[in-house]
Amino acid sequence: MEPQAEETNTTGYDVIIPDEVKYCPYNGTYQDMINKAYEMDDKKIMKALIEYRDDMINHNKLLFYPEQLSHTSGATVN
């Protein structure tokens, strides 16, 4: 029997929660958990939390402000 594939991003809009974030030993907001991971010198957890937080920020921008992503700069054309 072949091994099962990991969860796939079927819609292109989902952000998969890494196991390091799912089972993070720290409590609080993402910033609190990042700070605690930094204090504990837990680089693996800190990296996963930062990447997931940034992915969620970009995900929300894509869902709620897609028109802003289509512009490459803030310059106006006359």
PDB file of N, CA and C in Angstrom:
ATOM      1  N   MET A   1       0.846  -1.173   0.000  1.00  0.00           N
ATOM      2  CA  MET A   1       0.000   0.000   0.000  1.00  0.00           C
ATOM      3  C   MET A   1       0.897   1.244   0.000  1.00  0.00           C
ATOM      4  N   GLU A   2       0.548   2.219  -0.813  1.00  0.00           N
ATOM      5  CA  GLU A   2       1.340   3.430  -0.903  1.00  0.00           C
ATOM      6  C   GLU A   2       1.046   4.346   0.281  1.00  0.00           C
ATOM      7  N   PRO A   3       2.063   5.120   0.711  1.00  0.00           N
ATOM      8  CA  PRO A   3       1.819   6.062   1.807  1.00  0.00           C
ATOM      9  C   PRO A   3       0.848   7.150   1.372  1.00  0.00           C
ATOM     10  N   GLN A   4       0.064   7.618   2.312  1.00  0.00           N
ATOM     11  CA  GLN A   4      -0.906   8.670   2.031  1.00  0.00           C
ATOM     12  C   GLN A   4      -0.184  10.000   1.855  1.00  0.00           C
ATOM     13  N   ALA A   5      -0.638  10.760   0.903  1.00  0.00           N
ATOM     14  CA  ALA A   5      -0.075  12.088   0.679  1.00  0.00           C
ATOM     15  C   ALA A   5      -0.526  13.020   1.787  1.00  0.00           C
ATOM     16  N   GLU A   6       0.306  13.998   2.073  1.00  0.00           N
ATOM     17  CA  GLU A   6      -0.071  14.993   3.074  1.00  0.00           C
ATOM     18  C   GLU A   6      -1.204  15.847   2.529  1.00  0.00           C
ATOM     19  N   GLU A   7      -1.813  16.619   3.427  1.00  0.00           N
ATOM     20  CA  GLU A   7      -2.901  17.502   2.999  1.00  0.00           C
ATOM     21  C   GLU A   7      -2.415  18.394   1.873  1.00  0.00           C
ATOM     22  N   THR A   8      -3.263  18.567   0.889  1.00  0.00           N
ATOM     23  CA  THR A   8      -2.906  19.445  -0.211  1.00  0.00           C
ATOM     24  C   THR A   8      -3.764  20.687  -0.167  1.00  0.00           C
ATOM     25  N   ASN A   9      -3.251  21.712  -0.727  1.00  0.00           N
ATOM     26  CA  ASN A   9      -3.957  22.987  -0.803  1.00  0.00           C
ATOM     27  C   ASN A   9      -4.836  22.952  -2.040  1.00  0.00           C
ATOM     28  N   THR A  10      -6.078  22.520  -1.879  1.00  0.00           N
ATOM     29  CA  THR A  10      -6.949  22.291  -3.030  1.00  0.00           C
ATOM     30  C   THR A  10      -7.522  23.559  -3.623  1.00  0.00           C
ATOM     31  N   THR A  11      -7.752  24.572  -2.823  1.00  0.00           N
ATOM     32  CA  THR A  11      -8.385  25.774  -3.344  1.00  0.00           C
ATOM     33  C   THR A  11      -7.393  26.860  -3.710  1.00  0.00           C
ATOM     34  N   GLY A  12      -6.174  26.779  -3.214  1.00  0.00           N
ATOM     35  CA  GLY A  12      -5.210  27.828  -3.459  1.00  0.00           C
ATOM     36  C   GLY A  12      -5.338  28.961  -2.465  1.00  0.00           C
ATOM     37  N   TYR A  13      -6.344  28.925  -1.619  1.00  0.00           N
ATOM     38  CA  TYR A  13      -6.553  29.990  -0.647  1.00  0.00           C
ATOM     39  C   TYR A  13      -6.298  29.530   0.783  1.00  0.00           C
ATOM     40  N   ASP A  14      -6.178  28.238   0.995  1.00  0.00           N
ATOM     41  CA  ASP A  14      -6.007  27.716   2.344  1.00  0.00           C
ATOM     42  C   ASP A  14      -4.554  27.844   2.781  1.00  0.00           C
ATOM     43  N   VAL A  15      -4.367  28.076   4.067  1.00  0.00           N
ATOM     44  CA  VAL A  15      -3.036  28.078   4.649  1.00  0.00           C
ATOM     45  C   VAL A  15      -2.987  26.883   5.594  1.00  0.00           C
ATOM     46  N   ILE A  16      -2.098  25.952   5.306  1.00  0.00           N
ATOM     47  CA  ILE A  16      -1.960  24.762   6.125  1.00  0.00           C
ATOM     48  C   ILE A  16      -1.199  25.120   7.398  1.00  0.00           C
ATOM     49  N   ILE A  17      -1.721  24.680   8.536  1.00  0.00           N
ATOM     50  CA  ILE A  17      -1.078  24.951   9.820  1.00  0.00           C
ATOM     51  C   ILE A  17       0.012  23.911  10.042  1.00  0.00           C
ATOM     52  N   PRO A  18       1.271  24.340  10.146  1.00  0.00           N
ATOM     53  CA  PRO A  18       2.349  23.385  10.402  1.00  0.00           C
ATOM     54  C   PRO A  18       2.195  22.737  11.787  1.00  0.00           C
ATOM     55  N   ASP A  19       2.700  21.518  11.928  1.00  0.00           N
ATOM     56  CA  ASP A  19       2.611  20.825  13.209  1.00  0.00           C
ATOM     57  C   ASP A  19       3.285  21.612  14.329  1.00  0.00           C
ATOM     58  N   GLU A  20       4.378  22.313  14.010  1.00  0.00           N
ATOM     59  CA  GLU A  20       5.068  23.110  15.031  1.00  0.00           C
ATOM     60  C   GLU A  20       4.156  24.191  15.602  1.00  0.00           C
ATOM     61  N   VAL A  21       3.246  24.700  14.768  1.00  0.00           N
ATOM     62  CA  VAL A  21       2.301  25.715  15.224  1.00  0.00           C
ATOM     63  C   VAL A  21       1.119  25.048  15.929  1.00  0.00           C
ATOM     64  N   LYS A  22       0.622  23.955  15.348  1.00  0.00           N
ATOM     65  CA  LYS A  22      -0.515  23.243  15.955  1.00  0.00           C
ATOM     66  C   LYS A  22      -0.222  22.829  17.388  1.00  0.00           C
ATOM     67  N   TYR A  23       0.972  22.298  17.591  1.00  0.00           N
ATOM     68  CA  TYR A  23       1.316  21.736  18.893  1.00  0.00           C
ATOM     69  C   TYR A  23       2.333  22.604  19.634  1.00  0.00           C
ATOM     70  N   CYS A  24       2.279  23.900  19.383  1.00  0.00           N
ATOM     71  CA  CYS A  24       3.203  24.835  20.024  1.00  0.00           C
ATOM     72  C   CYS A  24       3.039  24.780  21.543  1.00  0.00           C
ATOM     73  N   PRO A  25       4.148  24.662  22.268  1.00  0.00           N
ATOM     74  CA  PRO A  25       4.062  24.560  23.723  1.00  0.00           C
ATOM     75  C   PRO A  25       3.801  25.894  24.427  1.00  0.00           C
ATOM     76  N   TYR A  26       3.743  26.977  23.675  1.00  0.00           N
ATOM     77  CA  TYR A  26       3.570  28.304  24.265  1.00  0.00           C
ATOM     78  C   TYR A  26       2.146  28.791  24.055  1.00  0.00           C
ATOM     79  N   ASN A  27       1.678  29.634  24.963  1.00  0.00           N
ATOM     80  CA  ASN A  27       0.314  30.161  24.924  1.00  0.00           C
ATOM     81  C   ASN A  27       0.311  31.640  24.576  1.00  0.00           C
ATOM     82  N   GLY A  28      -0.852  32.129  24.186  1.00  0.00           N
ATOM     83  CA  GLY A  28      -1.026  33.555  23.933  1.00  0.00           C
ATOM     84  C   GLY A  28      -1.217  33.846  22.463  1.00  0.00           C
ATOM     85  N   THR A  29      -1.053  35.104  22.115  1.00  0.00           N
ATOM     86  CA  THR A  29      -1.163  35.513  20.718  1.00  0.00           C
ATOM     87  C   THR A  29       0.051  34.987  19.958  1.00  0.00           C
ATOM     88  N   TYR A  30       0.002  35.079  18.634  1.00  0.00           N
ATOM     89  CA  TYR A  30       1.154  34.630  17.857  1.00  0.00           C
ATOM     90  C   TYR A  30       2.398  35.412  18.259  1.00  0.00           C
ATOM     91  N   GLN A  31       2.252  36.708  18.492  1.00  0.00           N
ATOM     92  CA  GLN A  31       3.415  37.502  18.891  1.00  0.00           C
ATOM     93  C   GLN A  31       3.937  37.050  20.247  1.00  0.00           C
ATOM     94  N   ASP A  32       3.041  36.721  21.196  1.00  0.00           N
ATOM     95  CA  ASP A  32       3.464  36.200  22.501  1.00  0.00           C
ATOM     96  C   ASP A  32       4.227  34.889  22.343  1.00  0.00           C
ATOM     97  N   MET A  33       3.700  34.007  21.478  1.00  0.00           N
ATOM     98  CA  MET A  33       4.357  32.715  21.271  1.00  0.00           C
ATOM     99  C   MET A  33       5.711  32.889  20.594  1.00  0.00           C
ATOM    100  N   ILE A  34       5.801  33.817  19.636  1.00  0.00           N
ATOM    101  CA  ILE A  34       7.076  34.095  18.972  1.00  0.00           C
ATOM    102  C   ILE A  34       8.075  34.623  19.985  1.00  0.00           C
ATOM    103  N   ASN A  35       7.638  35.547  20.831  1.00  0.00           N
ATOM    104  CA  ASN A  35       8.526  36.102  21.852  1.00  0.00           C
ATOM    105  C   ASN A  35       9.008  35.026  22.815  1.00  0.00           C
ATOM    106  N   LYS A  36       8.118  34.135  23.233  1.00  0.00           N
ATOM    107  CA  LYS A  36       8.491  33.061  24.155  1.00  0.00           C
ATOM    108  C   LYS A  36       9.477  32.101  23.490  1.00  0.00           C
ATOM    109  N   ALA A  37       9.229  31.761  22.223  1.00  0.00           N
ATOM    110  CA  ALA A  37      10.153  30.894  21.492  1.00  0.00           C
ATOM    111  C   ALA A  37      11.525  31.554  21.384  1.00  0.00           C
ATOM    112  N   TYR A  38      11.547  32.863  21.184  1.00  0.00           N
ATOM    113  CA  TYR A  38      12.814  33.604  21.132  1.00  0.00           C
ATOM    114  C   TYR A  38      13.525  33.530  22.478  1.00  0.00           C
ATOM    115  N   GLU A  39      12.778  33.752  23.563  1.00  0.00           N
ATOM    116  CA  GLU A  39      13.361  33.692  24.900  1.00  0.00           C
ATOM    117  C   GLU A  39      13.938  32.309  25.205  1.00  0.00           C
ATOM    118  N   MET A  40      13.240  31.270  24.716  1.00  0.00           N
ATOM    119  CA  MET A  40      13.654  29.891  24.978  1.00  0.00           C
ATOM    120  C   MET A  40      14.682  29.393  23.941  1.00  0.00           C
ATOM    121  N   ASP A  41      15.058  30.252  22.998  1.00  0.00           N
ATOM    122  CA  ASP A  41      15.983  29.917  21.918  1.00  0.00           C
ATOM    123  C   ASP A  41      15.497  28.700  21.133  1.00  0.00           C
ATOM    124  N   ASP A  42      14.182  28.670  20.897  1.00  0.00           N
ATOM    125  CA  ASP A  42      13.531  27.584  20.164  1.00  0.00           C
ATOM    126  C   ASP A  42      13.336  28.042  18.718  1.00  0.00           C
ATOM    127  N   LYS A  43      14.405  27.934  17.937  1.00  0.00           N
ATOM    128  CA  LYS A  43      14.413  28.495  16.587  1.00  0.00           C
ATOM    129  C   LYS A  43      13.416  27.816  15.647  1.00  0.00           C
ATOM    130  N   LYS A  44      13.239  26.510  15.791  1.00  0.00           N
ATOM    131  CA  LYS A  44      12.330  25.779  14.904  1.00  0.00           C
ATOM    132  C   LYS A  44      10.892  26.264  15.082  1.00  0.00           C
ATOM    133  N   ILE A  45      10.452  26.389  16.334  1.00  0.00           N
ATOM    134  CA  ILE A  45       9.098  26.867  16.624  1.00  0.00           C
ATOM    135  C   ILE A  45       8.956  28.330  16.209  1.00  0.00           C
ATOM    136  N   MET A  46       9.965  29.137  16.529  1.00  0.00           N
ATOM    137  CA  MET A  46       9.910  30.556  16.197  1.00  0.00           C
ATOM    138  C   MET A  46       9.788  30.760  14.692  1.00  0.00           C
ATOM    139  N   LYS A  47      10.568  30.025  13.912  1.00  0.00           N
ATOM    140  CA  LYS A  47      10.516  30.137  12.453  1.00  0.00           C
ATOM    141  C   LYS A  47       9.140  29.729  11.928  1.00  0.00           C
ATOM    142  N   ALA A  48       8.604  28.627  12.444  1.00  0.00           N
ATOM    143  CA  ALA A  48       7.287  28.154  11.994  1.00  0.00           C
ATOM    144  C   ALA A  48       6.202  29.166  12.333  1.00  0.00           C
ATOM    145  N   LEU A  49       6.256  29.751  13.532  1.00  0.00           N
ATOM    146  CA  LEU A  49       5.249  30.735  13.940  1.00  0.00           C
ATOM    147  C   LEU A  49       5.316  31.993  13.073  1.00  0.00           C
ATOM    148  N   ILE A  50       6.519  32.470  12.811  1.00  0.00           N
ATOM    149  CA  ILE A  50       6.676  33.683  11.997  1.00  0.00           C
ATOM    150  C   ILE A  50       6.184  33.433  10.574  1.00  0.00           C
ATOM    151  N   GLU A  51       6.570  32.301  10.002  1.00  0.00           N
ATOM    152  CA  GLU A  51       6.146  32.003   8.632  1.00  0.00           C
ATOM    153  C   GLU A  51       4.629  31.832   8.551  1.00  0.00           C
ATOM    154  N   TYR A  52       4.049  31.147   9.541  1.00  0.00           N
ATOM    155  CA  TYR A  52       2.600  30.956   9.526  1.00  0.00           C
ATOM    156  C   TYR A  52       1.873  32.289   9.705  1.00  0.00           C
ATOM    157  N   ARG A  53       2.349  33.126  10.625  1.00  0.00           N
ATOM    158  CA  ARG A  53       1.734  34.437  10.836  1.00  0.00           C
ATOM    159  C   ARG A  53       1.780  35.258   9.545  1.00  0.00           C
ATOM    160  N   ASP A  54       2.943  35.277   8.896  1.00  0.00           N
ATOM    161  CA  ASP A  54       3.081  36.036   7.653  1.00  0.00           C
ATOM    162  C   ASP A  54       2.211  35.464   6.540  1.00  0.00           C
ATOM    163  N   ASP A  55       2.122  34.129   6.467  1.00  0.00           N
ATOM    164  CA  ASP A  55       1.253  33.504   5.472  1.00  0.00           C
ATOM    165  C   ASP A  55      -0.208  33.878   5.702  1.00  0.00           C
ATOM    166  N   MET A  56      -0.627  33.935   6.955  1.00  0.00           N
ATOM    167  CA  MET A  56      -2.008  34.309   7.264  1.00  0.00           C
ATOM    168  C   MET A  56      -2.280  35.779   6.925  1.00  0.00           C
ATOM    169  N   ILE A  57      -1.314  36.636   7.162  1.00  0.00           N
ATOM    170  CA  ILE A  57      -1.467  38.053   6.798  1.00  0.00           C
ATOM    171  C   ILE A  57      -1.641  38.165   5.287  1.00  0.00           C
ATOM    172  N   ASN A  58      -0.791  37.464   4.533  1.00  0.00           N
ATOM    173  CA  ASN A  58      -0.902  37.497   3.067  1.00  0.00           C
ATOM    174  C   ASN A  58      -2.201  36.860   2.602  1.00  0.00           C
ATOM    175  N   HIS A  59      -2.635  35.812   3.279  1.00  0.00           N
ATOM    176  CA  HIS A  59      -3.902  35.143   2.957  1.00  0.00           C
ATOM    177  C   HIS A  59      -5.066  36.118   3.120  1.00  0.00           C
ATOM    178  N   ASN A  60      -5.085  36.852   4.211  1.00  0.00           N
ATOM    179  CA  ASN A  60      -6.159  37.818   4.453  1.00  0.00           C
ATOM    180  C   ASN A  60      -6.129  38.948   3.436  1.00  0.00           C
ATOM    181  N   LYS A  61      -4.940  39.394   3.067  1.00  0.00           N
ATOM    182  CA  LYS A  61      -4.842  40.427   2.035  1.00  0.00           C
ATOM    183  C   LYS A  61      -5.409  39.922   0.721  1.00  0.00           C
ATOM    184  N   LEU A  62      -5.112  38.682   0.384  1.00  0.00           N
ATOM    185  CA  LEU A  62      -5.603  38.103  -0.858  1.00  0.00           C
ATOM    186  C   LEU A  62      -7.126  37.985  -0.851  1.00  0.00           C
ATOM    187  N   LEU A  63      -7.696  37.594   0.289  1.00  0.00           N
ATOM    188  CA  LEU A  63      -9.145  37.412   0.365  1.00  0.00           C
ATOM    189  C   LEU A  63      -9.912  38.726   0.426  1.00  0.00           C
ATOM    190  N   PHE A  64      -9.400  39.682   1.198  1.00  0.00           N
ATOM    191  CA  PHE A  64     -10.168  40.902   1.458  1.00  0.00           C
ATOM    192  C   PHE A  64      -9.748  42.098   0.615  1.00  0.00           C
ATOM    193  N   TYR A  65      -8.525  42.083   0.075  1.00  0.00           N
ATOM    194  CA  TYR A  65      -8.053  43.224  -0.710  1.00  0.00           C
ATOM    195  C   TYR A  65      -7.353  42.757  -1.984  1.00  0.00           C
ATOM    196  N   PRO A  66      -8.007  41.927  -2.802  1.00  0.00           N
ATOM    197  CA  PRO A  66      -7.327  41.391  -3.994  1.00  0.00           C
ATOM    198  C   PRO A  66      -6.958  42.468  -5.011  1.00  0.00           C
ATOM    199  N   GLU A  67      -7.690  43.559  -5.033  1.00  0.00           N
ATOM    200  CA  GLU A  67      -7.385  44.616  -5.998  1.00  0.00           C
ATOM    201  C   GLU A  67      -6.039  45.268  -5.704  1.00  0.00           C
ATOM    202  N   GLN A  68      -5.607  45.273  -4.452  1.00  0.00           N
ATOM    203  CA  GLN A  68      -4.315  45.867  -4.111  1.00  0.00           C
ATOM    204  C   GLN A  68      -3.161  45.005  -4.598  1.00  0.00           C
ATOM    205  N   LEU A  69      -3.376  43.718  -4.727  1.00  0.00           N
ATOM    206  CA  LEU A  69      -2.314  42.823  -5.165  1.00  0.00           C
ATOM    207  C   LEU A  69      -2.068  42.901  -6.658  1.00  0.00           C
ATOM    208  N   SER A  70      -3.027  43.434  -7.416  1.00  0.00           N
ATOM    209  CA  SER A  70      -2.862  43.508  -8.863  1.00  0.00           C
ATOM    210  C   SER A  70      -1.992  44.692  -9.288  1.00  0.00           C
ATOM    211  N   HIS A  71      -1.760  45.632  -8.401  1.00  0.00           N
ATOM    212  CA  HIS A  71      -0.918  46.792  -8.713  1.00  0.00           C
ATOM    213  C   HIS A  71       0.508  46.507  -8.278  1.00  0.00           C
ATOM    214  N   THR A  72       1.445  46.832  -9.168  1.00  0.00           N
ATOM    215  CA  THR A  72       2.839  46.557  -8.858  1.00  0.00           C
ATOM    216  C   THR A  72       3.493  47.696  -8.094  1.00  0.00           C
ATOM    217  N   SER A  73       2.935  48.887  -8.169  1.00  0.00           N
ATOM    218  CA  SER A  73       3.491  50.012  -7.425  1.00  0.00           C
ATOM    219  C   SER A  73       2.375  50.984  -7.078  1.00  0.00           C
ATOM    220  N   GLY A  74       2.723  51.956  -6.252  1.00  0.00           N
ATOM    221  CA  GLY A  74       1.737  52.951  -5.865  1.00  0.00           C
ATOM    222  C   GLY A  74       1.669  54.124  -6.818  1.00  0.00           C
ATOM    223  N   ALA A  75       2.471  54.104  -7.861  1.00  0.00           N
ATOM    224  CA  ALA A  75       2.529  55.214  -8.806  1.00  0.00           C
ATOM    225  C   ALA A  75       1.250  55.272  -9.636  1.00  0.00           C
ATOM    226  N   THR A  76       0.855  56.458  -9.969  1.00  0.00           N
ATOM    227  CA  THR A  76      -0.332  56.643 -10.818  1.00  0.00           C
ATOM    228  C   THR A  76       0.118  56.920 -12.253  1.00  0.00           C
ATOM    229  N   VAL A  77      -0.719  56.563 -13.182  1.00  0.00           N
ATOM    230  CA  VAL A  77      -0.444  56.795 -14.593  1.00  0.00           C
ATOM    231  C   VAL A  77      -1.274  57.956 -15.074  1.00  0.00           C
ATOM    232  N   ASN A  78      -0.640  58.922 -15.723  1.00  0.00           N
ATOM    233  CA  ASN A  78      -1.342  60.097 -16.242  1.00  0.00           C
ATOM    234  C   ASN A  78      -1.666  59.934 -17.678  1.00  0.00           C
TER     235      ASN A  78
END
